[in-house]
Amino acid sequence: MKKLLRRALFVFLGLLAALALLVTGLFVKQAVVDAHINDDIGAIYTGEAYRTPVSVAGIDVMQQKVSCGYACIELLARWQGLPITEDNLLAQNDGKITTAMGDGFQNEMNRQFPEFLTTKHTNLKNTELLDMVYHSLANGMPVPVEFAALYRDGDKSVWTLHFAIITAMDVGADEITISNPYGYKETYTLRDFLRATRYESYQNMEFYLKLGFAAGLFQKNTIYTLQAA
């Protein structure tokens, strides 16, 4: 009996050690990605390519009822003059929220807007993300984005993983404007916005979310570009 217990203990400790090594490896890999994407954006401010402010008109503000992903799709539908609502999306998907993860959001965008090709871009360098946003807006296309957002309900504030839509960028004024499905427009400096898309602004992030990023369930510096299909 003692031998069996000892063997079981050794097996358990071995599995625990293997799990610890796996988790450590995932976090080391994420640290490498973090260092890679967090490049310097100083040249953005001084370059000629971004001098002209760019924006897309017609993106409203709304308070989400179902989910931020569905609300973003409704906002884009209003922009296109289409009768797609959060309630419609919920009914089409048998009461399920298909946009909780990035791939699901991309798939739902392509299903609802077949006239556009929606492409998900993940773990972009800071400069790549800003460049894509600028040129998308310059071409008349708003840019859905994943980022860390603070949800406020009275005196309560909670950090969340969130979808919103970028509608304007003015490098000279150091501003990026988004339509936030929490019910308002927000303006960030470029660096503060990137802190949000890298989730560095998310205070005291829960361990399971950190593990989710490390395991690749969530990605940083993620945007979605729309092109005519």
Protein backbone atom coordinates (compact mmCIF):
# COMPACT_ATOMS: atom_id res chain seq x y z
CA MET A 1 0.00 0.00 0.00
CA LYS A 2 2.80 2.42 0.92
CA LYS A 3 4.56 1.70 -2.37
CA LEU A 4 1.38 2.43 -4.29
CA LEU A 5 0.86 5.69 -2.42
CA ARG A 6 4.48 6.68 -2.98
CA ARG A 7 4.21 5.88 -6.68
CA ALA A 8 0.96 7.84 -6.98
CA LEU A 9 2.60 10.79 -5.21
CA PHE A 10 5.58 10.71 -7.57
CA VAL A 11 3.25 10.60 -10.57
CA PHE A 12 1.23 13.52 -9.21
CA LEU A 13 4.35 15.59 -8.51
CA GLY A 14 5.70 14.75 -11.96
CA LEU A 15 2.50 15.91 -13.61
CA LEU A 16 2.51 19.06 -11.48
CA ALA A 17 6.10 19.82 -12.49
CA ALA A 18 5.29 19.22 -16.16
CA LEU A 19 2.30 21.55 -15.91
CA ALA A 20 4.44 24.22 -14.25
CA LEU A 21 7.03 23.94 -17.02
CA LEU A 22 4.32 24.20 -19.67
CA VAL A 23 2.79 27.31 -18.11
CA THR A 24 6.21 28.90 -17.64
CA GLY A 25 7.05 28.20 -21.27
CA LEU A 26 3.81 29.80 -22.42
CA PHE A 27 4.49 32.95 -20.42
CA VAL A 28 8.06 33.15 -21.70
CA LYS A 29 6.73 32.86 -25.27
CA GLN A 30 4.20 35.63 -24.57
CA ALA A 31 6.97 37.85 -23.18
CA VAL A 32 8.87 37.43 -26.46
CA VAL A 33 5.75 38.40 -28.42
CA ASP A 34 5.18 41.41 -26.14
CA ALA A 35 8.70 42.66 -26.74
CA HIS A 36 8.33 42.18 -30.50
CA ILE A 37 5.05 44.07 -30.92
CA ASN A 38 5.96 46.97 -28.62
CA ASP A 39 8.13 48.86 -31.11
CA ASP A 40 8.73 52.62 -30.98
CA ILE A 41 6.17 54.86 -32.71
CA GLY A 42 8.23 58.05 -32.67
CA ALA A 43 8.54 58.13 -36.47
CA ILE A 44 4.75 58.15 -36.79
CA TYR A 45 4.65 61.66 -35.33
CA THR A 46 7.36 63.08 -37.59
CA GLY A 47 6.62 61.27 -40.86
CA GLU A 48 4.89 62.97 -43.77
CA ALA A 49 2.70 59.93 -44.47
CA TYR A 50 0.33 60.58 -41.56
CA ARG A 51 0.01 64.36 -41.60
CA THR A 52 -3.58 64.50 -42.87
CA PRO A 53 -6.30 63.65 -40.29
CA VAL A 54 -8.53 60.78 -41.43
CA SER A 55 -12.01 59.74 -40.33
CA VAL A 56 -15.14 57.85 -41.32
CA ALA A 57 -18.49 59.57 -40.82
CA GLY A 58 -21.77 57.89 -39.97
CA ILE A 59 -20.71 55.60 -37.12
CA ASP A 60 -23.21 56.19 -34.33
CA VAL A 61 -22.98 55.61 -30.60
CA MET A 62 -25.08 52.97 -28.84
CA GLN A 63 -25.33 51.15 -25.54
CA GLN A 64 -24.88 47.42 -26.05
CA LYS A 65 -27.69 45.16 -24.89
CA VAL A 66 -26.33 41.71 -25.77
CA SER A 67 -22.59 41.89 -26.40
CA CYS A 68 -19.94 44.32 -27.60
CA GLY A 69 -19.29 42.21 -30.70
CA TYR A 70 -22.95 42.21 -31.74
CA ALA A 71 -23.21 45.93 -30.93
CA CYS A 72 -20.24 46.69 -33.20
CA ILE A 73 -21.91 44.77 -36.01
CA GLU A 74 -25.13 46.72 -35.45
CA LEU A 75 -23.20 50.01 -35.57
CA LEU A 76 -21.56 48.99 -38.84
CA ALA A 77 -24.94 47.89 -40.20
CA ARG A 78 -26.42 51.31 -39.40
CA TRP A 79 -23.46 52.88 -41.20
CA GLN A 80 -24.33 50.76 -44.25
CA GLY A 81 -28.08 51.35 -43.91
CA LEU A 82 -28.79 47.69 -43.14
CA PRO A 83 -31.46 46.46 -40.66
CA ILE A 84 -29.12 44.25 -38.61
CA THR A 85 -29.51 44.52 -34.84
CA GLU A 86 -28.16 42.76 -31.78
CA ASP A 87 -31.53 41.06 -31.35
CA ASN A 88 -31.46 39.85 -34.97
CA LEU A 89 -27.99 38.40 -34.47
CA LEU A 90 -29.02 36.66 -31.27
CA ALA A 91 -32.07 35.13 -32.98
CA GLN A 92 -30.07 34.02 -36.03
CA ASN A 93 -27.64 32.21 -33.75
CA ASP A 94 -30.25 30.47 -31.57
CA GLY A 95 -29.60 32.67 -28.57
CA LYS A 96 -25.82 32.23 -28.70
CA ILE A 97 -23.17 34.95 -28.80
CA THR A 98 -20.85 33.98 -31.64
CA THR A 99 -18.53 36.97 -31.26
CA ALA A 100 -17.07 36.24 -27.83
CA MET A 101 -13.76 35.28 -29.47
CA GLY A 102 -11.94 37.06 -32.26
CA ASP A 103 -12.34 34.34 -34.88
CA GLY A 104 -16.06 34.25 -34.17
CA PHE A 105 -16.28 38.01 -34.63
CA GLN A 106 -14.45 37.78 -37.96
CA ASN A 107 -16.73 34.98 -39.16
CA GLU A 108 -19.88 36.85 -38.13
CA MET A 109 -18.65 40.01 -39.87
CA ASN A 110 -18.08 38.11 -43.09
CA ARG A 111 -21.49 36.47 -42.80
CA GLN A 112 -23.37 39.72 -42.16
CA PHE A 113 -21.41 41.88 -44.63
CA PRO A 114 -20.67 39.71 -47.70
CA GLU A 115 -19.93 42.89 -49.66
CA PHE A 116 -16.78 43.25 -47.55
CA LEU A 117 -13.92 40.92 -46.72
CA THR A 118 -13.14 41.23 -43.02
CA THR A 119 -9.60 40.20 -42.08
CA LYS A 120 -8.32 39.71 -38.55
CA HIS A 121 -4.78 40.94 -37.82
CA THR A 122 -3.17 39.84 -34.55
CA ASN A 123 0.03 40.63 -32.63
CA LEU A 124 0.81 43.54 -34.92
CA LYS A 125 3.72 45.79 -34.10
CA ASN A 126 2.58 49.17 -32.79
CA THR A 127 3.69 50.86 -36.00
CA GLU A 128 1.96 48.24 -38.17
CA LEU A 129 -1.31 48.64 -36.28
CA LEU A 130 -1.29 52.44 -36.57
CA ASP A 131 -0.37 52.26 -40.24
CA MET A 132 -3.22 49.85 -41.00
CA VAL A 133 -5.70 51.96 -39.05
CA TYR A 134 -4.62 55.14 -40.80
CA HIS A 135 -4.86 53.74 -44.31
CA SER A 136 -8.14 51.93 -43.63
CA LEU A 137 -9.73 55.16 -42.41
CA ALA A 138 -8.19 57.07 -45.33
CA ASN A 139 -9.92 54.56 -47.64
CA GLY A 140 -13.27 55.19 -45.94
CA MET A 141 -13.34 52.02 -43.84
CA PRO A 142 -13.86 52.02 -40.04
CA VAL A 143 -11.70 49.60 -38.06
CA PRO A 144 -13.05 47.19 -35.42
CA VAL A 145 -10.54 46.68 -32.61
CA GLU A 146 -10.01 44.51 -29.52
CA PHE A 147 -8.71 46.30 -26.44
CA ALA A 148 -8.87 46.73 -22.67
CA ALA A 149 -11.84 48.89 -21.71
CA LEU A 150 -13.14 50.12 -18.39
CA TYR A 151 -16.84 49.42 -17.90
CA ARG A 152 -18.47 51.88 -15.50
CA ASP A 153 -21.76 51.20 -13.75
CA GLY A 154 -22.43 53.86 -11.14
CA ASP A 155 -19.59 53.70 -8.64
CA LYS A 156 -18.46 50.34 -9.97
CA SER A 157 -15.66 50.07 -12.56
CA VAL A 158 -14.56 46.79 -14.10
CA TRP A 159 -11.82 46.12 -16.66
CA THR A 160 -12.97 44.05 -19.64
CA LEU A 161 -11.78 42.56 -22.93
CA HIS A 162 -13.82 44.58 -25.38
CA PHE A 163 -14.68 45.29 -29.03
CA ALA A 164 -15.11 48.83 -30.38
CA ILE A 165 -14.81 50.66 -33.71
CA ILE A 166 -12.06 53.11 -34.59
CA THR A 167 -13.57 56.05 -36.50
CA ALA A 168 -10.87 58.74 -36.63
CA MET A 169 -7.12 59.31 -36.33
CA ASP A 170 -5.31 62.64 -36.12
CA VAL A 171 -1.59 62.13 -35.62
CA GLY A 172 -0.88 65.85 -35.43
CA ALA A 173 -3.29 66.19 -32.51
CA ASP A 174 -2.14 62.83 -31.08
CA GLU A 175 -5.68 61.45 -31.12
CA ILE A 176 -7.51 58.24 -32.00
CA THR A 177 -11.29 58.23 -31.68
CA ILE A 178 -13.45 55.15 -31.16
CA SER A 179 -17.14 54.42 -30.92
CA ASN A 180 -17.44 52.37 -27.73
CA PRO A 181 -20.48 50.06 -27.39
CA TYR A 182 -20.60 50.99 -23.71
CA GLY A 183 -22.45 54.02 -25.03
CA TYR A 184 -20.01 56.80 -25.84
CA LYS A 185 -17.21 58.03 -28.06
CA GLU A 186 -13.70 57.99 -26.62
CA THR A 187 -10.53 59.78 -27.65
CA TYR A 188 -7.10 58.41 -26.77
CA THR A 189 -3.56 59.54 -27.36
CA LEU A 190 -1.78 57.13 -29.69
CA ARG A 191 0.37 55.71 -26.91
CA ASP A 192 -2.54 55.31 -24.48
CA PHE A 193 -4.54 53.58 -27.17
CA LEU A 194 -1.69 51.13 -27.81
CA ARG A 195 -1.42 50.47 -24.09
CA ALA A 196 -5.07 49.41 -24.29
CA THR A 197 -4.63 47.22 -27.39
CA ARG A 198 -1.63 45.56 -25.70
CA TYR A 199 -3.78 45.21 -22.54
CA GLU A 200 -1.16 46.94 -20.41
CA SER A 201 -3.84 49.33 -19.16
CA TYR A 202 -5.89 46.41 -17.78
CA GLN A 203 -5.22 46.78 -14.06
CA ASN A 204 -4.71 43.63 -11.98
CA MET A 205 -5.62 41.30 -14.85
CA GLU A 206 -6.93 37.97 -13.62
CA PHE A 207 -4.53 35.04 -13.92
CA TYR A 208 -6.89 33.03 -16.13
CA LEU A 209 -6.93 35.87 -18.67
CA LYS A 210 -3.14 36.16 -18.59
CA LEU A 211 -3.01 32.42 -19.19
CA GLY A 212 -5.51 32.82 -22.03
CA PHE A 213 -3.21 35.30 -23.78
CA ALA A 214 -0.18 33.09 -23.16
CA ALA A 215 -2.01 30.08 -24.58
CA GLY A 216 -3.11 32.00 -27.67
CA LEU A 217 -6.84 32.12 -26.90
CA PHE A 218 -6.60 35.93 -26.99
CA GLN A 219 -4.11 38.09 -28.90
CA LYS A 220 -2.78 41.59 -28.44
CA ASN A 221 -2.66 44.47 -30.93
CA THR A 222 -5.61 43.01 -32.83
CA ILE A 223 -7.68 44.88 -35.41
CA TYR A 224 -10.03 43.95 -38.24
CA THR A 225 -9.78 45.52 -41.68
CA LEU A 226 -12.62 45.74 -44.20
CA GLN A 227 -12.10 45.63 -47.95
CA ALA A 228 -14.58 45.52 -50.79
CA ALA A 229 -15.09 41.85 -51.67
